Amino acid sequence: MSENLGFPPRSCGTGQRSAGAAGFPRRVAVAAALLAASLALPISCAKPKEIVVRPPRAVQAETATRKPFFLEAEYAARILPASQVNVTPKVGGRVAKVFVRVGDFVTKDQKLFTIEPGDFEAQFRQAKAALLSARANLSRNEGSGQESQMLQAQSTYDQALIQRDEIQKAWDKTRRLYDGGVVPKQQMDDVDAKLRAASLQLEAAKKALTLVRDKSGQQASQVLVGQVDAAQAQADLAKSQLDSAAVLSPLAGHVSWSDVEPGAMIGTNTLAFIVIDDSSVLAEAGLTDRAIGYVHKGMSLKIAIPALRGAAAERVGTVDRVSPAADQRTMLYTVRVAISNDDGAIRPGMLAKIRFPIEAVRQALLVPERATYTENGLDYVMVAEEGLAHRKQVSLGESSGNLVEVREGLDEGALVITAGQEVLSDGDRILASP
């Protein structure tokens, strides 16, 4: 009987071992086992790996198109009111009452504050009385003889002389007080005006008396007519000063500044209020000589106001004024852009950013700037071709903020991936949508 020298078969995953032939010598079995362990190659019992096929990655893409392109630059600007008026009183005096405060909206001709009218009322009454007297003199002259004219002219001259002398004394006293710093300049100016008016009346009365004495009745009548005219002018002036004691708003808008309090003395040179019309505003910017040639009155421009939020921050304005010459200090050209402010959100003093064209319109191959990315100092885009993503190295030109010019490396009509291109590899399967 021949011996069976075969090795027992391996078992995969059962943990059992097949027995050798009956009567197999133990030492031979041990030797065979050692030999098998040293010579046998490992046999894998694992299942073969499965190949995983990923679905196409969904991406967004846009077509590279050649279209008109102009280069823009962003300039800083400050917001100004469309109109601003500094309010100063026409007459001086003590403030009687203030009707509005900073921030209040006022209409045109609305009363802002008043000045105590006492002195102006007295001057107006005096001027009216002088006017009535002059008219009466003219009337009597036209219906009386030479003798009555003489008496009337003499009486008028005497009254004018007395009045002038009294005002002269008041002027001398006020001058001493003014020189000593006791009374304000406005009071000194009022006394000056009264003295000039009294001197004019005295001079007119003197001429009238001279004409009557020279028996020049016709000339005397002309002088009396002149006296009436002078008295009328004085009455009009006094009425204007009385009306000016009430200070009115010159326009509709908001009070942006005030320095008036009841009881305070105020003069004609005092800045009392600032009223602004902010229903529309102006964004003022300084442009370089490179940009000013492409800006003209009436053109529309995009404006961003960082202080506002959401949609209110983005506005469209119209060029309202373009300076014809550069500022000598900054060498910049001033441009003002009008912006509607119906919602009242824009306030003078805010900062703005305006995009101005700085190059003429030309044809260029444009892609969204978000479609580009940089790697190792080189610019790339990913394009979609027959369901696959392919990387293209490109040479970029100028940027308008949203679009960028591609000068080399891309054909017109290429489908450029605009989202997710940074994580794609060349040859990845994609599903592109606009």
Protein backbone atom coordinates (compact mmCIF):
# COMPACT_ATOMS: atom_id res chain seq x y z
CA MET A 1 0.00 0.00 0.00
CA SER A 2 1.46 3.33 -1.04
CA GLU A 3 1.49 6.29 1.41
CA ASN A 4 -0.64 9.43 0.73
CA LEU A 5 1.71 12.42 0.87
CA GLY A 6 -0.96 15.01 -0.13
CA PHE A 7 -1.63 18.08 2.06
CA PRO A 8 -4.99 18.62 3.65
CA PRO A 9 -7.15 21.15 1.87
CA ARG A 10 -7.49 24.72 3.37
CA SER A 11 -10.83 25.75 4.79
CA CYS A 12 -12.02 29.40 4.24
CA GLY A 13 -14.07 30.77 7.05
CA THR A 14 -15.15 27.39 8.60
CA GLY A 15 -12.47 26.98 11.25
CA GLN A 16 -12.33 23.13 10.52
CA ARG A 17 -9.34 21.11 9.36
CA SER A 18 -9.59 17.96 7.13
CA ALA A 19 -7.95 14.82 8.55
CA GLY A 20 -5.17 13.06 6.65
CA ALA A 21 -5.37 9.45 5.41
CA ALA A 22 -5.87 6.78 7.99
CA GLY A 23 -2.71 5.61 9.62
CA PHE A 24 -0.66 8.64 8.44
CA PRO A 25 2.47 8.67 10.58
CA ARG A 26 2.42 11.56 13.12
CA ARG A 27 5.99 12.65 12.46
CA VAL A 28 5.34 12.79 8.75
CA ALA A 29 2.17 14.82 9.33
CA VAL A 30 4.03 17.32 11.51
CA ALA A 31 6.81 17.70 8.95
CA ALA A 32 4.30 18.11 6.17
CA ALA A 33 2.44 20.78 8.14
CA LEU A 34 5.66 22.75 8.80
CA LEU A 35 6.65 22.47 5.15
CA ALA A 36 3.22 23.67 4.04
CA ALA A 37 3.31 26.60 6.45
CA SER A 38 6.73 27.69 5.16
CA LEU A 39 6.06 27.24 1.45
CA ALA A 40 2.37 27.88 0.92
CA LEU A 41 1.37 31.33 -0.48
CA PRO A 42 -1.41 33.19 1.38
CA ILE A 43 -4.81 32.66 -0.07
CA SER A 44 -7.27 35.58 0.31
CA CYS A 45 -10.77 34.75 1.39
CA ALA A 46 -12.04 38.46 1.12
CA LYS A 47 -14.64 39.49 -1.45
CA PRO A 48 -13.43 41.63 -4.41
CA LYS A 49 -13.78 45.48 -3.92
CA GLU A 50 -16.72 47.24 -5.58
CA ILE A 51 -16.03 50.25 -7.88
CA VAL A 52 -18.12 53.28 -6.66
CA VAL A 53 -19.35 55.56 -9.46
CA ARG A 54 -20.24 59.03 -8.15
CA PRO A 55 -23.19 60.90 -9.64
CA PRO A 56 -22.46 64.10 -11.61
CA ARG A 57 -21.93 67.17 -9.44
CA ALA A 58 -24.55 69.87 -9.97
CA VAL A 59 -22.95 73.22 -10.84
CA GLN A 60 -24.04 76.62 -12.10
CA ALA A 61 -22.58 77.99 -15.32
CA GLU A 62 -22.78 81.05 -17.56
CA THR A 63 -21.74 81.64 -21.15
CA ALA A 64 -18.66 83.75 -21.85
CA THR A 65 -19.87 86.49 -24.19
CA ARG A 66 -18.28 89.41 -26.00
CA LYS A 67 -20.11 92.62 -25.20
CA PRO A 68 -19.53 96.36 -24.66
CA PHE A 69 -17.34 96.97 -21.62
CA PHE A 70 -16.17 100.09 -19.84
CA LEU A 71 -13.83 100.27 -16.91
CA GLU A 72 -15.14 101.81 -13.68
CA ALA A 73 -13.51 103.09 -10.53
CA GLU A 74 -15.05 103.73 -7.12
CA TYR A 75 -14.72 107.22 -5.66
CA ALA A 76 -15.56 108.33 -2.13
CA ALA A 77 -18.18 111.06 -1.79
CA ARG A 78 -19.94 113.01 0.94
CA ILE A 79 -23.66 113.68 1.13
CA LEU A 80 -24.83 117.32 1.03
CA PRO A 81 -28.35 118.77 1.20
CA ALA A 82 -29.76 119.87 -2.13
CA SER A 83 -30.28 123.37 -0.68
CA GLN A 84 -29.08 125.07 2.51
CA VAL A 85 -29.83 128.59 3.76
CA ASN A 86 -28.18 130.43 6.65
CA VAL A 87 -30.80 132.57 8.38
CA THR A 88 -29.75 135.93 9.87
CA PRO A 89 -32.19 138.64 11.04
CA LYS A 90 -32.60 141.87 9.05
CA VAL A 91 -32.86 143.89 12.28
CA GLY A 92 -31.21 143.50 15.65
CA GLY A 93 -32.68 143.45 19.13
CA ARG A 94 -33.71 141.18 21.97
CA VAL A 95 -35.20 137.79 21.05
CA ALA A 96 -38.84 137.63 22.18
CA LYS A 97 -39.83 134.03 21.31
CA VAL A 98 -38.42 130.98 19.50
CA PHE A 99 -40.94 128.73 17.74
CA VAL A 100 -38.85 125.84 16.34
CA ARG A 101 -35.87 123.70 17.32
CA VAL A 102 -33.20 121.63 15.58
CA GLY A 103 -34.74 118.68 13.72
CA ASP A 104 -38.15 120.31 13.22
CA PHE A 105 -39.64 120.41 9.74
CA VAL A 106 -40.68 123.90 8.65
CA THR A 107 -42.58 125.22 5.66
CA LYS A 108 -41.61 128.23 3.58
CA ASP A 109 -42.36 131.53 5.40
CA GLN A 110 -43.05 129.73 8.68
CA LYS A 111 -42.12 131.88 11.70
CA LEU A 112 -38.82 130.82 13.28
CA PHE A 113 -38.46 133.45 16.03
CA THR A 114 -39.40 137.06 16.81
CA ILE A 115 -37.53 140.12 18.07
CA GLU A 116 -39.16 142.51 20.57
CA PRO A 117 -40.95 145.03 18.30
CA GLY A 118 -41.30 147.99 20.71
CA ASP A 119 -38.70 150.30 19.13
CA PHE A 120 -39.77 149.43 15.60
CA GLU A 121 -43.42 150.15 16.37
CA ALA A 122 -42.50 153.59 17.76
CA GLN A 123 -40.42 154.40 14.69
CA PHE A 124 -43.24 153.36 12.42
CA ARG A 125 -45.76 155.57 14.26
CA GLN A 126 -43.37 158.51 14.05
CA ALA A 127 -42.79 157.97 10.34
CA LYS A 128 -46.54 157.79 9.68
CA ALA A 129 -47.08 161.04 11.56
CA ALA A 130 -44.36 162.76 9.53
CA LEU A 131 -45.97 161.49 6.33
CA LEU A 132 -49.38 162.86 7.31
CA SER A 133 -47.82 166.23 8.16
CA ALA A 134 -46.03 166.39 4.80
CA ARG A 135 -49.21 165.58 2.93
CA ALA A 136 -51.11 168.25 4.89
CA ASN A 137 -48.45 170.84 4.06
CA LEU A 138 -48.70 170.00 0.40
CA SER A 139 -52.47 170.26 0.50
CA ARG A 140 -52.43 173.65 2.24
CA ASN A 141 -49.81 174.94 -0.16
CA GLU A 142 -51.98 174.10 -3.12
CA GLY A 143 -55.02 175.99 -1.69
CA SER A 144 -53.49 179.00 0.10
CA GLY A 145 -51.81 182.26 -0.71
CA GLN A 146 -48.22 183.32 -0.39
CA GLU A 147 -48.59 184.49 3.20
CA SER A 148 -50.03 181.23 4.48
CA GLN A 149 -47.33 179.37 2.60
CA MET A 150 -44.69 181.43 4.35
CA LEU A 151 -46.16 180.69 7.79
CA GLN A 152 -46.48 177.02 7.07
CA ALA A 153 -42.94 176.73 5.68
CA GLN A 154 -41.54 178.54 8.69
CA SER A 155 -43.46 176.27 11.09
CA THR A 156 -42.27 173.17 9.29
CA TYR A 157 -38.68 174.35 9.38
CA ASP A 158 -38.88 175.17 13.09
CA GLN A 159 -40.32 171.73 13.91
CA ALA A 160 -37.70 169.99 11.82
CA LEU A 161 -34.94 171.97 13.53
CA ILE A 162 -36.21 171.12 17.01
CA GLN A 163 -36.54 167.44 16.11
CA ARG A 164 -33.05 167.36 14.58
CA ASP A 165 -31.54 169.00 17.69
CA GLU A 166 -33.23 166.50 20.03
CA ILE A 167 -32.03 163.54 18.00
CA GLN A 168 -28.54 165.09 17.84
CA LYS A 169 -28.43 165.15 21.65
CA ALA A 170 -29.55 161.50 21.78
CA TRP A 171 -26.90 160.63 19.19
CA ASP A 172 -24.16 162.31 21.24
CA LYS A 173 -25.20 160.42 24.36
CA THR A 174 -25.46 157.07 22.57
CA ARG A 175 -22.07 157.61 20.94
CA ARG A 176 -20.40 158.09 24.31
CA LEU A 177 -22.03 154.91 25.63
CA TYR A 178 -21.13 152.98 22.50
CA ASP A 179 -17.50 154.07 22.69
CA GLY A 180 -17.50 152.87 26.30
CA GLY A 181 -18.89 149.47 25.28
CA VAL A 182 -22.19 149.94 27.14
CA VAL A 183 -24.63 149.77 24.23
CA PRO A 184 -24.52 147.40 21.21
CA LYS A 185 -23.70 148.48 17.67
CA GLN A 186 -27.29 147.88 16.59
CA GLN A 187 -28.54 150.61 18.92
CA MET A 188 -25.89 153.00 17.63
CA ASP A 189 -26.94 152.20 14.06
CA ASP A 190 -30.60 152.94 14.88
CA VAL A 191 -29.73 156.39 16.30
CA ASP A 192 -27.56 157.06 13.24
CA ALA A 193 -30.52 156.31 10.98
CA LYS A 194 -32.81 158.60 12.97
CA LEU A 195 -30.30 161.48 12.82
CA ARG A 196 -29.90 161.11 9.07
CA ALA A 197 -33.67 161.13 8.58
CA ALA A 198 -34.09 164.23 10.78
CA SER A 199 -31.28 166.02 8.93
CA LEU A 200 -32.94 165.26 5.60
CA GLN A 201 -36.26 166.60 6.86
CA LEU A 202 -34.59 169.77 8.16
CA GLU A 203 -32.81 170.31 4.86
CA ALA A 204 -36.06 169.87 2.94
CA ALA A 205 -37.88 172.32 5.27
CA LYS A 206 -35.10 174.85 4.85
CA LYS A 207 -35.32 174.69 1.07
CA ALA A 208 -39.09 175.06 1.19
CA LEU A 209 -38.82 178.13 3.39
CA THR A 210 -36.21 179.67 1.09
CA LEU A 211 -38.40 179.14 -1.94
CA VAL A 212 -41.42 180.71 -0.26
CA ARG A 213 -39.39 183.72 0.84
CA ASP A 214 -38.16 184.15 -2.72
CA LYS A 215 -41.82 184.09 -3.80
CA SER A 216 -41.23 180.98 -5.87
CA GLY A 217 -44.56 179.37 -5.19
CA GLN A 218 -44.22 176.73 -7.88
CA GLN A 219 -40.83 175.64 -6.63
CA ALA A 220 -42.11 175.60 -3.06
CA SER A 221 -44.84 173.23 -4.13
CA GLN A 222 -42.24 170.91 -5.71
CA VAL A 223 -40.26 170.93 -2.49
CA LEU A 224 -43.35 170.00 -0.54
CA VAL A 225 -43.94 167.13 -2.96
CA GLY A 226 -40.37 166.03 -2.28
CA GLN A 227 -41.04 166.16 1.45
CA VAL A 228 -44.03 163.90 1.00
CA ASP A 229 -41.93 161.44 -1.00
CA ALA A 230 -39.19 161.45 1.64
CA ALA A 231 -41.72 160.92 4.42
CA GLN A 232 -43.30 158.06 2.47
CA ALA A 233 -39.90 156.37 2.06
CA GLN A 234 -39.20 156.75 5.76
CA ALA A 235 -42.58 155.22 6.61
CA ASP A 236 -41.94 152.29 4.26
CA LEU A 237 -38.55 151.69 5.86
CA ALA A 238 -40.04 151.74 9.35
CA LYS A 239 -42.78 149.32 8.28
CA SER A 240 -40.18 146.96 6.76
CA GLN A 241 -38.15 146.98 9.99
CA LEU A 242 -41.28 146.25 12.01
CA ASP A 243 -42.18 143.33 9.75
CA SER A 244 -38.59 142.04 9.94
CA ALA A 245 -38.92 141.61 13.70
CA ALA A 246 -40.61 138.31 12.80
CA VAL A 247 -37.94 136.05 11.19
CA LEU A 248 -39.38 133.56 8.67
CA SER A 249 -38.00 130.41 7.07
CA PRO A 250 -36.78 131.06 3.51
CA LEU A 251 -37.59 127.51 2.33
CA ALA A 252 -39.31 124.27 3.28
CA GLY A 253 -37.06 121.74 4.99
CA HIS A 254 -35.52 120.74 8.31
CA VAL A 255 -33.81 122.93 10.87
CA SER A 256 -30.25 121.58 11.02
CA TRP A 257 -28.69 124.19 13.35
CA SER A 258 -29.83 126.91 15.78
CA ASP A 259 -28.20 129.38 18.16
CA VAL A 260 -31.12 131.48 19.39
CA GLU A 261 -32.59 131.66 22.88
CA PRO A 262 -35.39 133.88 24.23
CA GLY A 263 -34.05 137.01 25.94
CA ALA A 264 -30.69 136.99 24.11
CA MET A 265 -29.49 140.02 22.14
CA ILE A 266 -29.06 139.36 18.46
CA GLY A 267 -27.59 141.43 15.64
CA THR A 268 -27.87 141.52 11.88
CA ASN A 269 -24.61 139.59 11.54
CA THR A 270 -25.64 136.78 13.89
CA LEU A 271 -26.18 133.32 12.34
CA ALA A 272 -29.45 132.29 13.96
CA PHE A 273 -30.66 129.20 12.05
CA ILE A 274 -29.62 126.86 9.24
CA VAL A 275 -32.48 125.33 7.25
CA ILE A 276 -31.81 122.56 4.72
CA ASP A 277 -33.94 121.05 1.99
CA ASP A 278 -33.17 117.31 2.22
CA SER A 279 -36.02 116.01 0.04
CA SER A 280 -33.17 115.33 -2.35
CA VAL A 281 -29.46 115.25 -1.63
CA LEU A 282 -26.19 115.65 -3.49
CA ALA A 283 -23.23 113.27 -3.39
CA GLU A 284 -20.05 115.29 -3.97
CA ALA A 285 -16.87 113.60 -5.18
CA GLY A 286 -13.50 114.70 -6.51
CA LEU A 287 -12.47 113.02 -9.80
CA THR A 288 -9.06 112.71 -11.42
CA ASP A 289 -8.33 113.94 -14.91
CA ARG A 290 -8.50 110.32 -16.14
CA ALA A 291 -12.18 110.02 -15.19
CA ILE A 292 -13.60 113.52 -15.69
CA GLY A 293 -13.65 113.22 -19.47
CA TYR A 294 -16.19 110.36 -19.34
CA VAL A 295 -18.64 112.15 -17.00
CA HIS A 296 -21.34 114.52 -18.23
CA LYS A 297 -24.40 116.19 -16.77
CA GLY A 298 -27.50 114.00 -16.77
CA MET A 299 -25.75 110.59 -16.83
CA SER A 300 -26.92 107.93 -14.33
CA LEU A 301 -24.49 106.43 -11.83
CA LYS A 302 -24.66 103.71 -9.17
CA ILE A 303 -24.16 104.88 -5.59
CA ALA A 304 -23.63 102.87 -2.40
CA ILE A 305 -24.23 104.40 1.05
CA PRO A 306 -22.58 102.14 3.68
CA ALA A 307 -24.46 103.73 6.60
CA LEU A 308 -27.77 102.36 5.26
CA ARG A 309 -28.83 98.72 5.27
CA GLY A 310 -30.33 96.39 2.68
CA ALA A 311 -31.81 97.72 -0.52
CA ALA A 312 -31.80 101.28 0.82
CA ALA A 313 -27.99 101.32 0.61
CA GLU A 314 -27.98 100.97 -3.19
CA ARG A 315 -29.14 104.09 -5.05
CA VAL A 316 -29.05 105.51 -8.55
CA GLY A 317 -28.22 109.18 -9.00
CA THR A 318 -27.98 111.68 -11.84
CA VAL A 319 -24.98 113.91 -12.44
CA ASP A 320 -26.14 117.43 -11.57
CA ARG A 321 -22.96 119.54 -11.78
CA VAL A 322 -19.50 119.01 -13.24
CA SER A 323 -16.74 121.48 -12.36
CA PRO A 324 -15.03 122.89 -15.46
CA ALA A 325 -11.69 123.27 -13.65
CA ALA A 326 -9.71 121.31 -11.06
CA ASP A 327 -9.38 122.51 -7.49
CA GLN A 328 -6.02 124.25 -7.13
CA ARG A 329 -5.25 122.47 -3.85
CA THR A 330 -6.32 118.90 -4.63
CA MET A 331 -6.14 118.99 -8.46
CA LEU A 332 -9.45 117.09 -8.50
CA TYR A 333 -12.61 117.98 -10.42
CA THR A 334 -15.73 118.35 -8.30
CA VAL A 335 -18.78 116.37 -9.44
CA ARG A 336 -22.16 116.50 -7.69
CA VAL A 337 -24.69 113.70 -8.20
CA ALA A 338 -28.35 114.30 -7.32
CA ILE A 339 -30.11 111.50 -5.39
CA SER A 340 -33.80 111.30 -4.55
CA ASN A 341 -34.44 111.08 -0.81
CA ASP A 342 -38.20 110.57 -0.67
CA ASP A 343 -37.88 108.05 2.17
CA GLY A 344 -35.73 110.46 4.22
CA ALA A 345 -33.17 107.72 4.95
CA ILE A 346 -30.20 109.62 3.52
CA ARG A 347 -28.86 112.32 5.80
CA PRO A 348 -26.37 115.06 4.95
CA GLY A 349 -22.95 114.20 6.29
CA MET A 350 -23.10 110.50 5.38
CA LEU A 351 -20.38 108.97 3.23
CA ALA A 352 -21.07 107.39 -0.15
CA LYS A 353 -19.24 105.44 -2.85
CA ILE A 354 -19.87 106.27 -6.51
CA ARG A 355 -18.77 104.18 -9.49
CA PHE A 356 -17.53 106.40 -12.31
CA PRO A 357 -16.42 105.22 -15.79
CA ILE A 358 -12.72 105.79 -16.38
CA GLU A 359 -12.35 104.29 -19.85
CA ALA A 360 -14.29 104.42 -23.11
CA VAL A 361 -16.65 101.60 -24.06
CA ARG A 362 -15.04 98.75 -26.02
CA GLN A 363 -15.82 95.13 -26.95
CA ALA A 364 -14.39 92.52 -24.58
CA LEU A 365 -14.85 88.82 -23.72
CA LEU A 366 -16.45 88.91 -20.28
CA VAL A 367 -17.12 86.31 -17.60
CA PRO A 368 -18.46 86.70 -14.05
CA GLU A 369 -15.60 87.53 -11.72
CA ARG A 370 -16.76 84.81 -9.31
CA ALA A 371 -16.00 82.21 -12.03
CA THR A 372 -12.25 82.86 -11.73
CA TYR A 373 -9.82 81.62 -9.11
CA THR A 374 -6.08 81.82 -8.55
CA GLU A 375 -3.69 78.95 -7.90
CA ASN A 376 0.08 79.32 -7.56
CA GLY A 377 -0.11 82.83 -8.97
CA LEU A 378 -2.00 81.75 -12.10
CA ASP A 379 -5.64 82.48 -13.00
CA TYR A 380 -8.04 79.70 -13.96
CA VAL A 381 -11.63 79.02 -14.89
CA MET A 382 -13.51 75.72 -15.09
CA VAL A 383 -15.60 75.15 -18.19
CA ALA A 384 -18.34 72.62 -18.82
CA GLU A 385 -17.80 70.49 -21.96
CA GLU A 386 -19.99 67.46 -22.76
CA GLY A 387 -20.82 66.79 -19.12
CA LEU A 388 -17.22 67.10 -17.87
CA ALA A 389 -15.37 69.87 -16.07
CA HIS A 390 -12.14 71.08 -17.66
CA ARG A 391 -9.69 73.53 -16.19
CA LYS A 392 -8.49 76.41 -18.38
CA GLN A 393 -5.63 78.74 -17.58
CA VAL A 394 -6.59 82.28 -18.61
CA SER A 395 -5.11 85.75 -18.79
CA LEU A 396 -7.40 88.31 -17.15
CA GLY A 397 -7.74 92.00 -17.88
CA GLU A 398 -9.73 94.79 -16.27
CA SER A 399 -12.59 94.22 -13.84
CA SER A 400 -15.83 96.16 -13.53
CA GLY A 401 -16.66 94.71 -10.13
CA ASN A 402 -19.04 91.97 -11.30
CA LEU A 403 -17.49 91.11 -14.67
CA VAL A 404 -13.86 90.57 -15.62
CA GLU A 405 -12.23 90.71 -19.03
CA VAL A 406 -10.60 87.49 -20.36
CA ARG A 407 -7.83 88.35 -22.79
CA GLU A 408 -6.40 84.87 -23.51
CA GLY A 409 -7.17 81.22 -22.85
CA LEU A 410 -10.94 81.13 -23.41
CA ASP A 411 -13.18 81.03 -26.47
CA GLU A 412 -16.33 83.03 -26.88
CA GLY A 413 -19.41 80.94 -26.08
CA ALA A 414 -17.61 78.70 -23.55
CA LEU A 415 -19.80 77.58 -20.63
CA VAL A 416 -17.98 78.86 -17.54
CA ILE A 417 -18.74 77.31 -14.14
CA THR A 418 -19.58 80.06 -11.64
CA ALA A 419 -20.10 78.12 -8.40
CA GLY A 420 -18.13 75.23 -6.91
CA GLN A 421 -15.27 75.35 -9.39
CA GLU A 422 -12.66 75.47 -6.61
CA VAL A 423 -13.42 71.90 -5.51
CA LEU A 424 -13.65 70.41 -9.00
CA SER A 425 -10.88 68.46 -10.64
CA ASP A 426 -10.12 68.32 -14.30
CA GLY A 427 -12.38 65.65 -15.85
CA ASP A 428 -15.02 65.49 -13.08
CA ARG A 429 -18.52 64.64 -14.22
CA ILE A 430 -20.91 67.59 -13.84
CA LEU A 431 -24.47 68.60 -14.48
CA ALA A 432 -24.45 72.26 -15.46
CA SER A 433 -27.44 74.58 -15.14
CA PRO A 434 -27.78 78.33 -15.71
